Amino acid sequence: MQRDVRTFAKPSAMAKYIFVTGGVTSSLGKGIFAASLAKLLQSRGYRVTIQKFDPYINVDPGTLNPYEHGECYVTEDGAETDLDLGHYERFLNVPTSQANNVTTGRVYQYVISKEREGAYLGKTVQVIPHITDEIKRRMLLLGETGEYDIVITEIGGTIGDIEAQPFIETVRQIRWELEEHDTLICHLTLLPYLKSAKEIKTKPTQHSVKELQALGVMPDILVCRTEMPLSDELRKKLALFCNVERGSVIQALDVDTIYEVPLEMQKENLDTTVLRKLHLPGDKPSDLTKWNEFLHTLRNPRDTVRIGLVGKYIELQDAYKSIHEAFIHAGVANQVKVQVEPIHSEYIDEENVAEKLGQLHAVLVAPGFGHRGVEGKITAIRYVRENGIPFFGICLGLQCAVIEFARNVLGMKNAHSTEMDPDTPHPVIDMMEEQKKIVNKGGTMRLGAYRCELQSGSLAASLYGTTQISERHRHRYEFNNRYMTQFEEAGMTASGRNPDSGLVEVMEIPAHPFFIGVQYHPELKSTVENPHPLFVGLVRAALERKKKVAGIDLLATVRSA
């Protein structure tokens, strides 16, 4: 029997809620879709935020292997989160927080701690209602602040995953409790194209929707990932068998860059359909002028530069997702295409370093943890330092630059980080004092935004255009200040420090064309509208080196002629 909404529903929510689910297969791009929808709604004047609910039992991704999960994204308030939050920030140009990423592990941890406190008054603690109530509280939290008109919630995993069922059940309850037009379900599925039959198959999507319906949730909008355009006949068939409006079947064709997705969704009238279904005014036109300008430059670069990305997780691009995206933003800012050359640090040595790096226009040494691949990073840094190739080191990349300088300029044989060699005679990189008594690994690093004062006249200050900055961190080890005098006398200076602790944040070599390392993670703050100045500077330095090398080659050709 159909419920009487007027009798049972709670008062209208302060915000509207959109839930994004996925079916058929994983890795369909729910995060990109959610970010694209949010961008369209934001472009029409609405205040939008996005949150990710992950079904895995880890409390957060902080202890997960990058090969397992991709990069661990860090928010301003120090939360270690899913990499999709990076997409949210890059598209919306609005910071996220700890409230924007919730895992099953965090929910269970909270509920169990409350049970231990006696908060449930001796009742049997169950998935329903205790776990679902806690999920519900967190799903509605951002919408109750009054800061947002629309909250988009991405549910991780795929419909049918057993661990995701409490999240889907919670969505069902929220749909029942709120007013009819306060919630919306977007279900993202795959329509496989069989080349042998020359036909798009809808059956997997039908089964996915059927499974979602079996859990008590009916999709309002069907978003179909497809290699081929959908015919009107196919759209009608999907609408009929999946019980959605014909105009609510949205095709999501494969595109060359994720930044095209909002425009493709706009062509499908996704934002108009969503606003209509949520009973929100849709009379304000969309303003995507800056977005279109960005895409135009991205598609029409004036030049190309080759920048080496030296790391030890290069087999999986998502391990350095924010770095790759920051290069795209910086490339557009310089009107060039950045061709990122992944180079595995574990396979760099003195014999092959010139072959691997010699033809590059710049090199970035990536962050990471552990001993594997460190010596390759150190060898790469020595090569670029000695050959005037623009260098940028992030976190461990900075630390490796310090180790390399200590060994090869200061003559400190066996200088190292105590992370890799606890007995090194020259611990130029050492664990932060407050970290030495910490045993648990999860959520205990120096995390989130910290202030940094830059030295006036330094490369860093010129790139930022200011001496006062704030950047996000994720580390336990730091430059050992006992060695500062020796470094600065030899030509490597600390151009950025935390004003409260004196921790070195930025190191550079003024005599080098472009040599800078940072302890923080600037890639996490680069967005489409605000490309990070350090990446912009590196790309510009790479372009200058390319022109210089080309000029030398041209001169050599003329002379030989």
Protein backbone atom coordinates (compact mmCIF):
# COMPACT_ATOMS: atom_id res chain seq x y z
CA MET A 1 0.00 0.00 0.00
CA GLN A 2 1.36 3.43 -0.90
CA ARG A 3 2.30 5.47 2.16
CA ASP A 4 0.71 8.83 2.87
CA VAL A 5 3.61 11.26 2.57
CA ARG A 6 1.70 14.02 4.31
CA THR A 7 1.14 11.79 7.35
CA PHE A 8 4.54 10.12 7.71
CA ALA A 9 7.11 12.40 6.12
CA LYS A 10 9.29 14.66 8.24
CA PRO A 11 9.45 18.41 7.51
CA SER A 12 11.20 19.35 4.30
CA ALA A 13 14.99 19.04 4.42
CA MET A 14 17.15 22.16 4.55
CA ALA A 15 18.94 20.83 1.48
CA LYS A 16 18.10 18.53 -1.40
CA TYR A 17 19.90 15.18 -1.56
CA ILE A 18 21.13 13.38 -4.67
CA PHE A 19 22.45 9.83 -4.35
CA VAL A 20 24.72 8.32 -7.00
CA THR A 21 24.89 4.53 -7.20
CA GLY A 22 26.65 2.22 -9.63
CA GLY A 23 25.83 -1.08 -11.28
CA VAL A 24 27.12 -3.78 -13.65
CA THR A 25 30.80 -3.13 -12.95
CA SER A 26 33.13 -0.97 -10.90
CA SER A 27 35.31 1.88 -12.21
CA LEU A 28 32.52 3.40 -14.31
CA GLY A 29 33.32 6.90 -13.10
CA LYS A 30 30.72 7.64 -10.44
CA GLY A 31 33.06 10.21 -8.91
CA ILE A 32 33.54 12.06 -12.21
CA PHE A 33 29.81 11.93 -12.88
CA ALA A 34 29.01 13.27 -9.40
CA ALA A 35 31.58 16.05 -9.81
CA SER A 36 30.23 16.91 -13.27
CA LEU A 37 26.64 17.09 -12.06
CA ALA A 38 27.77 19.23 -9.13
CA LYS A 39 29.62 21.56 -11.52
CA LEU A 40 26.52 22.00 -13.68
CA LEU A 41 24.35 22.79 -10.66
CA GLN A 42 27.00 25.13 -9.27
CA SER A 43 27.15 26.93 -12.64
CA ARG A 44 23.45 27.67 -12.26
CA GLY A 45 23.92 29.38 -8.91
CA TYR A 46 23.38 26.54 -6.44
CA ARG A 47 25.62 25.84 -3.46
CA VAL A 48 26.69 22.22 -3.90
CA THR A 49 28.90 19.77 -2.04
CA ILE A 50 29.71 16.12 -2.67
CA GLN A 51 30.43 13.33 -0.22
CA LYS A 52 31.71 9.77 -0.69
CA PHE A 53 30.52 6.77 1.34
CA ASP A 54 32.86 3.80 0.96
CA PRO A 55 31.75 0.28 1.95
CA TYR A 56 35.17 -1.06 2.96
CA ILE A 57 35.92 -1.71 6.64
CA ASN A 58 39.13 0.32 6.78
CA VAL A 59 38.52 3.42 8.88
CA ASP A 60 40.10 5.52 6.12
CA PRO A 61 42.43 4.99 3.13
CA GLY A 62 45.47 6.17 5.10
CA THR A 63 46.91 2.69 5.61
CA LEU A 64 45.93 1.30 2.21
CA ASN A 65 48.56 0.42 -0.39
CA PRO A 66 48.46 2.80 -3.41
CA TYR A 67 48.36 -0.28 -5.66
CA GLU A 68 45.18 -1.30 -3.83
CA HIS A 69 43.38 2.00 -3.69
CA GLY A 70 45.21 4.70 -5.61
CA GLU A 71 46.35 7.87 -3.90
CA CYS A 72 45.22 8.90 -0.44
CA TYR A 73 43.76 12.38 -0.71
CA VAL A 74 44.15 14.78 2.25
CA THR A 75 41.70 17.56 3.10
CA GLU A 76 42.37 20.92 4.74
CA ASP A 77 41.27 19.59 8.14
CA GLY A 78 43.60 16.60 7.93
CA ALA A 79 41.30 13.79 6.86
CA GLU A 80 42.83 10.97 4.80
CA THR A 81 40.17 10.30 2.20
CA ASP A 82 39.25 8.63 -1.07
CA LEU A 83 40.84 10.08 -4.21
CA ASP A 84 37.38 11.01 -5.56
CA LEU A 85 37.38 13.96 -3.15
CA GLY A 86 40.20 15.33 -5.28
CA HIS A 87 37.88 15.29 -8.29
CA TYR A 88 35.21 17.06 -6.25
CA GLU A 89 37.60 19.86 -5.30
CA ARG A 90 39.17 20.18 -8.76
CA PHE A 91 35.75 20.55 -10.40
CA LEU A 92 34.02 22.75 -7.81
CA ASN A 93 37.02 24.74 -6.58
CA VAL A 94 35.60 24.31 -3.06
CA PRO A 95 37.49 22.51 -0.23
CA THR A 96 36.07 19.32 1.25
CA SER A 97 36.44 18.13 4.84
CA GLN A 98 36.39 15.08 7.04
CA ALA A 99 32.60 15.03 6.78
CA ASN A 100 32.80 14.45 3.01
CA ASN A 101 34.21 10.91 3.25
CA VAL A 102 32.78 8.12 5.41
CA THR A 103 33.64 4.43 5.46
CA THR A 104 31.94 1.38 6.93
CA GLY A 105 34.92 1.09 9.26
CA ARG A 106 34.40 4.58 10.64
CA VAL A 107 30.69 3.99 11.15
CA TYR A 108 31.21 0.68 12.97
CA GLN A 109 34.05 2.14 15.03
CA TYR A 110 31.76 4.92 16.23
CA VAL A 111 28.78 2.66 16.96
CA ILE A 112 30.92 0.13 18.86
CA SER A 113 32.52 2.89 20.93
CA LYS A 114 29.04 4.20 21.81
CA GLU A 115 27.97 0.68 22.79
CA ARG A 116 31.01 0.37 25.08
CA GLU A 117 30.01 3.66 26.71
CA GLY A 118 26.55 2.27 27.41
CA ALA A 119 24.88 4.81 25.15
CA TYR A 120 22.33 2.28 23.86
CA LEU A 121 21.04 1.49 27.35
CA GLY A 122 21.60 -2.24 27.12
CA LYS A 123 19.77 -2.72 23.84
CA THR A 124 20.99 -5.25 21.29
CA VAL A 125 23.07 -3.28 18.78
CA GLN A 126 22.12 -4.23 15.22
CA VAL A 127 22.74 -3.18 11.64
CA ILE A 128 19.18 -1.85 11.58
CA PRO A 129 18.58 0.56 13.22
CA HIS A 130 21.93 1.42 14.85
CA ILE A 131 24.34 1.19 11.91
CA THR A 132 21.87 2.64 9.42
CA ASP A 133 20.96 5.44 11.84
CA GLU A 134 24.62 6.44 12.11
CA ILE A 135 25.03 6.30 8.32
CA LYS A 136 21.90 8.41 8.01
CA ARG A 137 23.17 10.98 10.49
CA ARG A 138 26.38 11.38 8.47
CA MET A 139 24.57 11.45 5.11
CA LEU A 140 22.34 14.32 6.24
CA LEU A 141 24.98 16.18 8.26
CA LEU A 142 26.26 18.55 5.57
CA GLY A 143 22.74 19.34 4.39
CA GLU A 144 21.69 20.43 7.89
CA THR A 145 24.42 23.08 8.18
CA GLY A 146 22.55 25.54 6.00
CA GLU A 147 25.68 26.02 3.86
CA TYR A 148 24.45 24.00 0.88
CA ASP A 149 21.38 23.85 -1.33
CA ILE A 150 22.23 20.41 -2.72
CA VAL A 151 24.27 17.54 -1.28
CA ILE A 152 25.41 14.83 -3.69
CA THR A 153 26.32 11.50 -2.10
CA GLU A 154 28.33 8.94 -4.04
CA ILE A 155 27.90 5.36 -2.79
CA GLY A 156 31.09 3.40 -3.41
CA GLY A 157 31.13 -0.08 -4.86
CA THR A 158 28.52 -1.74 -7.05
CA ILE A 159 24.91 -2.73 -6.47
CA GLY A 160 25.00 -6.34 -5.31
CA ASP A 161 28.09 -5.94 -3.12
CA ILE A 162 27.14 -7.33 0.27
CA GLU A 163 29.13 -4.69 2.16
CA ALA A 164 27.21 -1.86 0.44
CA GLN A 165 23.76 -3.05 1.52
CA PRO A 166 23.56 -0.98 4.74
CA PHE A 167 24.24 2.18 2.69
CA ILE A 168 21.50 1.35 0.17
CA GLU A 169 19.10 0.53 3.02
CA THR A 170 19.88 3.91 4.56
CA VAL A 171 19.14 5.64 1.26
CA ARG A 172 15.81 3.81 1.18
CA GLN A 173 14.98 5.07 4.67
CA ILE A 174 15.98 8.64 3.83
CA ARG A 175 13.77 8.51 0.72
CA TRP A 176 10.87 7.39 2.89
CA GLU A 177 11.40 9.95 5.62
CA LEU A 178 11.95 13.10 3.58
CA GLU A 179 9.48 14.88 1.34
CA GLU A 180 8.93 13.41 -2.10
CA HIS A 181 10.98 15.96 -4.02
CA ASP A 182 13.85 16.28 -1.53
CA THR A 183 15.78 13.28 -2.84
CA LEU A 184 16.92 11.93 -6.19
CA ILE A 185 18.66 8.70 -7.24
CA CYS A 186 21.07 8.64 -10.19
CA HIS A 187 22.10 5.11 -11.15
CA LEU A 188 25.23 4.76 -13.30
CA THR A 189 25.50 1.58 -15.37
CA LEU A 190 27.36 0.08 -18.32
CA LEU A 191 25.86 -0.67 -21.72
CA PRO A 192 28.35 -3.06 -23.35
CA TYR A 193 28.73 -2.99 -27.12
CA LEU A 194 29.21 -6.38 -28.76
CA LYS A 195 31.25 -5.85 -31.92
CA SER A 196 30.42 -9.26 -33.34
CA ALA A 197 26.69 -8.56 -33.06
CA LYS A 198 27.12 -4.81 -33.72
CA GLU A 199 24.67 -4.23 -30.92
CA ILE A 200 24.46 -2.41 -27.57
CA LYS A 201 23.16 -4.77 -24.90
CA THR A 202 20.77 -3.46 -22.25
CA LYS A 203 20.25 -6.64 -20.23
CA PRO A 204 23.10 -6.02 -17.69
CA THR A 205 21.59 -2.60 -16.93
CA GLN A 206 18.12 -4.08 -16.56
CA HIS A 207 19.44 -6.62 -14.06
CA SER A 208 21.31 -3.93 -12.15
CA VAL A 209 18.21 -1.77 -11.84
CA LYS A 210 16.16 -4.83 -10.85
CA GLU A 211 18.64 -5.57 -8.06
CA LEU A 212 18.46 -1.99 -6.87
CA GLN A 213 14.67 -2.13 -6.88
CA ALA A 214 14.81 -5.35 -4.87
CA LEU A 215 16.58 -3.37 -2.14
CA GLY A 216 13.68 -0.92 -2.08
CA VAL A 217 15.26 1.89 -4.10
CA MET A 218 13.94 3.12 -7.43
CA PRO A 219 16.30 5.13 -9.66
CA ASP A 220 15.02 8.46 -10.97
CA ILE A 221 17.75 8.95 -13.57
CA LEU A 222 19.64 6.27 -15.48
CA VAL A 223 23.14 7.27 -16.60
CA CYS A 224 24.51 4.85 -19.20
CA ARG A 225 28.24 4.55 -19.92
CA THR A 226 28.52 3.57 -23.56
CA GLU A 227 31.00 3.52 -26.43
CA MET A 228 28.26 4.16 -29.01
CA PRO A 229 25.50 6.82 -29.07
CA LEU A 230 22.08 5.66 -27.87
CA SER A 231 19.26 5.60 -30.38
CA ASP A 232 15.79 6.82 -29.47
CA GLU A 233 14.64 3.21 -29.64
CA LEU A 234 17.24 2.11 -27.07
CA ARG A 235 16.39 4.99 -24.77
CA LYS A 236 12.71 4.06 -24.96
CA LYS A 237 13.52 0.42 -24.21
CA LEU A 238 15.65 1.30 -21.19
CA ALA A 239 13.01 3.69 -19.88
CA LEU A 240 10.30 1.06 -20.23
CA PHE A 241 12.17 -1.87 -18.65
CA CYS A 242 13.92 0.19 -15.95
CA ASN A 243 10.82 2.18 -15.02
CA VAL A 244 12.23 5.69 -15.54
CA GLU A 245 11.09 8.59 -17.69
CA ARG A 246 12.30 8.50 -21.28
CA GLY A 247 14.00 11.88 -20.79
CA SER A 248 15.78 10.52 -17.73
CA VAL A 249 17.89 8.05 -19.72
CA ILE A 250 21.23 9.84 -20.02
CA GLN A 251 24.02 8.63 -22.28
CA ALA A 252 27.58 9.02 -20.99
CA LEU A 253 29.87 8.53 -23.96
CA ASP A 254 33.61 7.99 -23.53
CA VAL A 255 35.51 11.30 -23.84
CA ASP A 256 39.15 12.31 -24.29
CA THR A 257 39.39 14.10 -20.94
CA ILE A 258 37.33 14.04 -17.74
CA TYR A 259 36.90 17.80 -18.04
CA GLU A 260 34.60 17.28 -21.04
CA VAL A 261 32.09 15.30 -18.98
CA PRO A 262 30.15 18.30 -17.56
CA LEU A 263 29.57 19.62 -21.08
CA GLU A 264 28.47 16.20 -22.33
CA MET A 265 26.04 15.93 -19.42
CA GLN A 266 24.76 19.41 -20.18
CA LYS A 267 24.02 18.33 -23.77
CA GLU A 268 21.88 15.57 -22.25
CA ASN A 269 19.96 18.20 -20.22
CA LEU A 270 21.00 16.47 -17.01
CA ASP A 271 20.99 19.64 -14.89
CA THR A 272 17.58 20.69 -16.20
CA THR A 273 16.12 17.25 -15.49
CA VAL A 274 17.60 17.15 -11.97
CA LEU A 275 16.29 20.61 -11.06
CA ARG A 276 12.83 19.75 -12.37
CA LYS A 277 12.68 16.53 -10.39
CA LEU A 278 13.84 18.28 -7.21
CA HIS A 279 11.31 21.09 -7.73
CA LEU A 280 14.07 23.68 -7.81
CA PRO A 281 14.02 26.82 -10.00
CA GLY A 282 15.86 26.27 -13.27
CA ASP A 283 15.45 29.69 -14.84
CA LYS A 284 19.03 30.87 -14.18
CA PRO A 285 21.19 29.96 -17.19
CA SER A 286 24.39 27.98 -16.75
CA ASP A 287 27.65 29.95 -16.74
CA LEU A 288 30.56 27.73 -17.80
CA THR A 289 32.61 30.43 -19.52
CA LYS A 290 35.84 29.72 -17.61
CA TRP A 291 35.35 25.99 -18.01
CA ASN A 292 34.97 26.33 -21.78
CA GLU A 293 38.05 28.56 -21.97
CA PHE A 294 40.03 25.95 -20.04
CA LEU A 295 38.88 23.18 -22.38
CA HIS A 296 39.64 25.26 -25.49
CA THR A 297 43.23 25.79 -24.35
CA LEU A 298 43.54 22.16 -23.31
CA ARG A 299 42.49 21.04 -26.79
CA ASN A 300 44.64 23.61 -28.61
CA PRO A 301 48.07 23.81 -26.94
CA ARG A 302 50.79 25.92 -28.58
CA ASP A 303 53.62 23.59 -27.59
CA THR A 304 54.49 20.34 -25.81
CA VAL A 305 56.91 19.64 -22.96
CA ARG A 306 58.10 16.28 -21.62
CA ILE A 307 58.28 16.01 -17.85
CA GLY A 308 59.50 12.88 -16.08
CA LEU A 309 57.50 11.60 -13.12
CA VAL A 310 59.93 9.52 -11.06
CA GLY A 311 58.13 7.29 -8.59
CA LYS A 312 57.67 3.72 -7.50
CA TYR A 313 53.91 3.30 -8.12
CA ILE A 314 53.94 4.37 -11.76
CA GLU A 315 52.16 1.17 -12.93
CA LEU A 316 48.95 2.61 -11.48
CA GLN A 317 48.21 6.17 -12.64
CA ASP A 318 45.70 6.68 -9.81
CA ALA A 319 48.58 6.41 -7.31
CA TYR A 320 49.65 9.89 -8.49
CA LYS A 321 46.24 11.11 -9.64
CA SER A 322 46.45 14.62 -8.21
CA ILE A 323 49.93 15.13 -9.69
CA HIS A 324 48.72 14.15 -13.15
CA GLU A 325 45.74 16.51 -12.87
CA ALA A 326 47.93 19.34 -11.54
CA PHE A 327 50.11 18.96 -14.65
CA ILE A 328 47.01 19.34 -16.83
CA HIS A 329 46.01 22.53 -15.01
CA ALA A 330 49.56 23.93 -15.19
CA GLY A 331 49.85 22.99 -18.86
CA VAL A 332 46.72 24.97 -19.70
CA ALA A 333 48.04 27.93 -17.69
CA ASN A 334 51.16 27.86 -19.91
CA GLN A 335 49.20 27.00 -23.08
CA VAL A 336 51.20 23.80 -23.54
CA LYS A 337 50.53 20.09 -23.39
CA VAL A 338 52.43 18.34 -20.62
CA GLN A 339 53.51 14.89 -21.71
CA VAL A 340 54.15 13.07 -18.44
CA GLU A 341 56.79 10.34 -18.75
CA PRO A 342 56.40 7.79 -15.92
CA ILE A 343 59.78 6.46 -14.78
CA HIS A 344 60.09 3.68 -12.22
CA SER A 345 62.63 4.77 -9.62
CA GLU A 346 63.48 1.18 -8.72
CA TYR A 347 65.08 0.73 -12.15
CA ILE A 348 67.21 3.89 -12.27
CA ASP A 349 70.95 3.53 -11.75
CA GLU A 350 74.18 5.31 -12.68
CA GLU A 351 74.43 3.41 -15.99
CA ASN A 352 70.99 4.28 -17.37
CA VAL A 353 70.04 7.58 -15.68
CA ALA A 354 71.27 9.73 -18.60
CA GLU A 355 69.33 7.59 -21.06
CA LYS A 356 66.13 7.83 -18.99
CA LEU A 357 66.29 11.52 -18.07
CA GLY A 358 68.58 13.21 -20.58
CA GLN A 359 65.89 14.11 -23.15
CA LEU A 360 63.36 15.40 -20.61
CA HIS A 361 62.56 19.07 -20.14
CA ALA A 362 61.91 18.74 -16.37
CA VAL A 363 61.66 16.08 -13.67
CA LEU A 364 59.30 15.67 -10.72
CA VAL A 365 60.27 13.19 -8.00
CA ALA A 366 57.09 11.89 -6.42
CA PRO A 367 56.13 11.29 -2.79
CA GLY A 368 56.03 7.84 -1.21
CA PHE A 369 57.00 5.71 1.75
CA GLY A 370 59.55 2.98 2.41
CA HIS A 371 63.01 2.05 1.15
CA ARG A 372 62.12 0.56 -2.24
CA GLY A 373 63.10 2.81 -5.12
CA VAL A 374 64.72 5.50 -2.95
CA GLU A 375 68.24 5.05 -4.33
CA GLY A 376 66.88 5.45 -7.86
CA LYS A 377 65.24 8.74 -6.84
CA ILE A 378 68.53 9.94 -5.34
CA THR A 379 70.41 9.01 -8.52
CA ALA A 380 67.83 10.84 -10.66
CA ILE A 381 68.10 13.97 -8.51
CA ARG A 382 71.88 14.02 -8.77
CA TYR A 383 71.64 13.84 -12.54
CA VAL A 384 69.16 16.72 -12.88
CA ARG A 385 71.04 18.85 -10.34
CA GLU A 386 74.35 18.43 -12.13
CA ASN A 387 72.86 18.92 -15.61
CA GLY A 388 70.66 21.96 -14.96
CA ILE A 389 67.36 20.16 -15.64
CA PRO A 390 64.38 21.77 -13.81
CA PHE A 391 63.56 19.74 -10.70
CA PHE A 392 60.57 19.59 -8.37
CA GLY A 393 60.47 17.24 -5.36
CA ILE A 394 57.36 16.55 -3.30
CA CYS A 395 57.52 15.18 0.28
CA LEU A 396 59.86 12.16 -0.09
CA GLY A 397 61.10 13.88 -3.26
CA LEU A 398 62.36 16.78 -1.12
CA GLN A 399 63.88 14.37 1.39
CA CYS A 400 65.74 12.51 -1.36
CA ALA A 401 67.06 15.82 -2.68
CA VAL A 402 68.43 16.60 0.79
CA ILE A 403 70.05 13.16 1.04
CA GLU A 404 71.60 13.50 -2.43
CA PHE A 405 73.03 16.93 -1.61
CA ALA A 406 74.45 15.69 1.68
CA ARG A 407 76.18 12.75 0.02
CA ASN A 408 77.49 14.33 -3.14
CA VAL A 409 78.05 17.99 -2.23
CA LEU A 410 78.70 17.95 1.52
CA GLY A 411 80.64 14.66 1.33
CA MET A 412 78.57 12.95 4.01
CA LYS A 413 78.98 9.34 3.00
CA ASN A 414 75.98 7.16 3.92
CA ALA A 415 73.80 10.19 4.74
CA HIS A 416 70.20 9.05 4.79
CA SER A 417 66.76 9.28 6.33
CA THR A 418 66.17 7.35 9.55
CA GLU A 419 63.06 5.97 7.86
CA MET A 420 65.31 3.95 5.53
CA ASP A 421 68.42 3.63 7.71
CA PRO A 422 67.89 4.07 11.47
CA ASP A 423 71.65 3.77 12.06
CA THR A 424 72.84 6.29 9.46
CA PRO A 425 75.81 8.37 10.69
CA HIS A 426 74.24 11.46 9.09
CA PRO A 427 70.46 11.54 9.70
CA VAL A 428 69.78 14.57 7.53
CA ILE A 429 66.13 13.48 7.48
CA ASP A 430 64.74 12.37 10.83
CA MET A 431 61.38 11.51 12.37
CA MET A 432 59.53 14.44 13.87
CA GLU A 433 59.94 14.50 17.63
CA GLU A 434 56.21 14.25 18.35
CA GLN A 435 55.97 11.19 16.06
CA LYS A 436 58.55 9.08 17.90
CA LYS A 437 56.18 7.76 20.57
CA ILE A 438 53.32 6.99 18.18
CA VAL A 439 52.60 3.30 17.60
CA ASN A 440 49.36 3.21 15.57
CA LYS A 441 49.78 4.07 11.90
CA GLY A 442 46.29 5.20 10.89
CA GLY A 443 45.54 8.91 11.04
CA THR A 444 48.62 9.77 13.13
CA MET A 445 50.88 11.54 10.63
CA ARG A 446 51.24 15.30 10.38
CA LEU A 447 48.08 15.83 8.38
CA GLY A 448 46.19 18.73 6.86
CA ALA A 449 46.90 22.41 6.32
CA TYR A 450 49.78 24.19 8.05
CA ARG A 451 51.17 27.68 7.58
CA CYS A 452 54.49 28.35 5.89
CA GLU A 453 56.53 31.55 5.70
CA LEU A 454 58.59 31.93 2.53
CA GLN A 455 61.87 33.77 2.31
CA SER A 456 61.53 37.04 0.46
CA GLY A 457 63.29 36.92 -2.89
CA SER A 458 63.29 33.11 -3.05
CA LEU A 459 62.09 31.08 -6.03
CA ALA A 460 59.15 29.85 -3.94
CA ALA A 461 58.06 33.38 -3.00
CA SER A 462 58.30 34.53 -6.62
CA LEU A 463 56.15 31.62 -7.79
CA TYR A 464 53.49 32.11 -5.11
CA GLY A 465 53.57 35.89 -5.33
CA THR A 466 53.49 36.09 -1.52
CA THR A 467 55.53 35.06 1.52
CA GLN A 468 52.56 33.70 3.52
CA ILE A 469 51.06 30.42 2.37
CA SER A 470 49.17 27.40 3.72
CA GLU A 471 49.59 23.89 2.30
CA ARG A 472 48.45 20.35 3.09
CA HIS A 473 50.78 17.76 4.63
CA ARG A 474 51.04 14.01 5.08
CA HIS A 475 54.35 12.93 6.60
CA ARG A 476 56.27 11.81 9.70
CA TYR A 477 59.82 12.76 8.74
CA GLU A 478 61.44 16.18 8.33
CA PHE A 479 64.69 17.93 7.54
CA ASN A 480 67.09 17.71 10.50
CA ASN A 481 67.77 21.34 11.41
CA ARG A 482 71.12 20.40 13.02
CA TYR A 483 72.54 20.30 9.48
CA MET A 484 71.08 23.60 8.28
CA THR A 485 74.23 25.70 8.46
CA GLN A 486 76.23 23.18 6.41
CA PHE A 487 73.53 23.01 3.73
CA GLU A 488 73.11 26.75 3.38
CA GLU A 489 76.86 27.38 3.24
CA ALA A 490 77.08 24.85 0.38
CA GLY A 491 74.25 26.41 -1.62
CA MET A 492 71.00 24.66 -0.65
CA THR A 493 68.73 27.01 1.31
CA ALA A 494 65.61 26.62 3.39
CA SER A 495 63.29 29.11 1.71
CA GLY A 496 60.15 28.10 3.60
CA ARG A 497 59.51 27.25 7.25
CA ASN A 498 56.57 26.67 9.52
CA PRO A 499 56.46 29.77 11.77
CA ASP A 500 55.33 27.79 14.84
CA SER A 501 57.66 24.78 14.81
CA GLY A 502 60.56 25.91 12.62
CA LEU A 503 60.05 22.83 10.46
CA VAL A 504 61.60 23.21 7.02
CA GLU A 505 58.87 23.24 4.36
CA VAL A 506 60.78 24.34 1.23
CA MET A 507 64.37 23.78 0.05
CA GLU A 508 65.90 25.19 -3.10
CA ILE A 509 69.23 25.74 -4.86
CA PRO A 510 69.36 29.38 -6.05
CA ALA A 511 72.30 28.70 -8.39
CA HIS A 512 70.29 26.10 -10.32
CA PRO A 513 67.89 27.15 -13.15
CA PHE A 514 64.92 25.62 -11.27
CA PHE A 515 65.48 23.37 -8.25
CA ILE A 516 62.85 23.25 -5.52
CA GLY A 517 61.56 20.65 -3.07
CA VAL A 518 58.61 20.92 -0.70
CA GLN A 519 57.63 18.87 2.34
CA TYR A 520 53.92 19.39 1.71
CA HIS A 521 51.65 18.20 -1.13
CA PRO A 522 50.85 21.11 -3.46
CA GLU A 523 49.14 18.82 -5.97
CA LEU A 524 46.20 18.52 -3.57
CA LYS A 525 45.25 22.19 -3.98
CA SER A 526 45.46 22.50 -7.76
CA THR A 527 42.11 23.05 -9.47
CA VAL A 528 40.83 23.97 -12.92
CA GLU A 529 40.23 27.57 -11.85
CA ASN A 530 43.36 27.84 -9.66
CA PRO A 531 46.29 25.83 -11.04
CA HIS A 532 49.01 25.46 -8.42
CA PRO A 533 51.81 28.05 -8.84
CA LEU A 534 54.62 25.51 -8.24
CA PHE A 535 53.37 23.28 -11.04
CA VAL A 536 52.82 26.32 -13.27
CA GLY A 537 56.40 27.36 -12.55
CA LEU A 538 57.82 23.91 -13.28
CA VAL A 539 56.01 23.70 -16.63
CA ARG A 540 57.21 27.19 -17.54
CA ALA A 541 60.78 26.20 -16.63
CA ALA A 542 60.41 23.04 -18.75
CA LEU A 543 59.26 25.15 -21.71
CA GLU A 544 62.23 27.49 -21.27
CA ARG A 545 64.63 24.54 -21.17
CA LYS A 546 63.07 23.10 -24.33
CA LYS A 547 63.58 26.39 -26.17
CA LYS A 548 67.12 26.68 -24.85
CA VAL A 549 68.04 23.12 -25.90
CA ALA A 550 66.41 23.67 -29.30
CA GLY A 551 68.44 26.86 -29.71
CA ILE A 552 71.66 25.05 -28.86
CA ASP A 553 70.83 22.26 -31.31
CA LEU A 554 70.03 24.79 -34.03
CA LEU A 555 73.29 26.65 -33.39
CA ALA A 556 75.26 23.40 -33.52
CA THR A 557 73.60 22.52 -36.83
CA VAL A 558 74.46 25.93 -38.31
CA ARG A 559 78.07 25.66 -37.17
CA SER A 560 78.51 22.17 -38.60
CA ALA A 561 77.03 23.34 -41.90
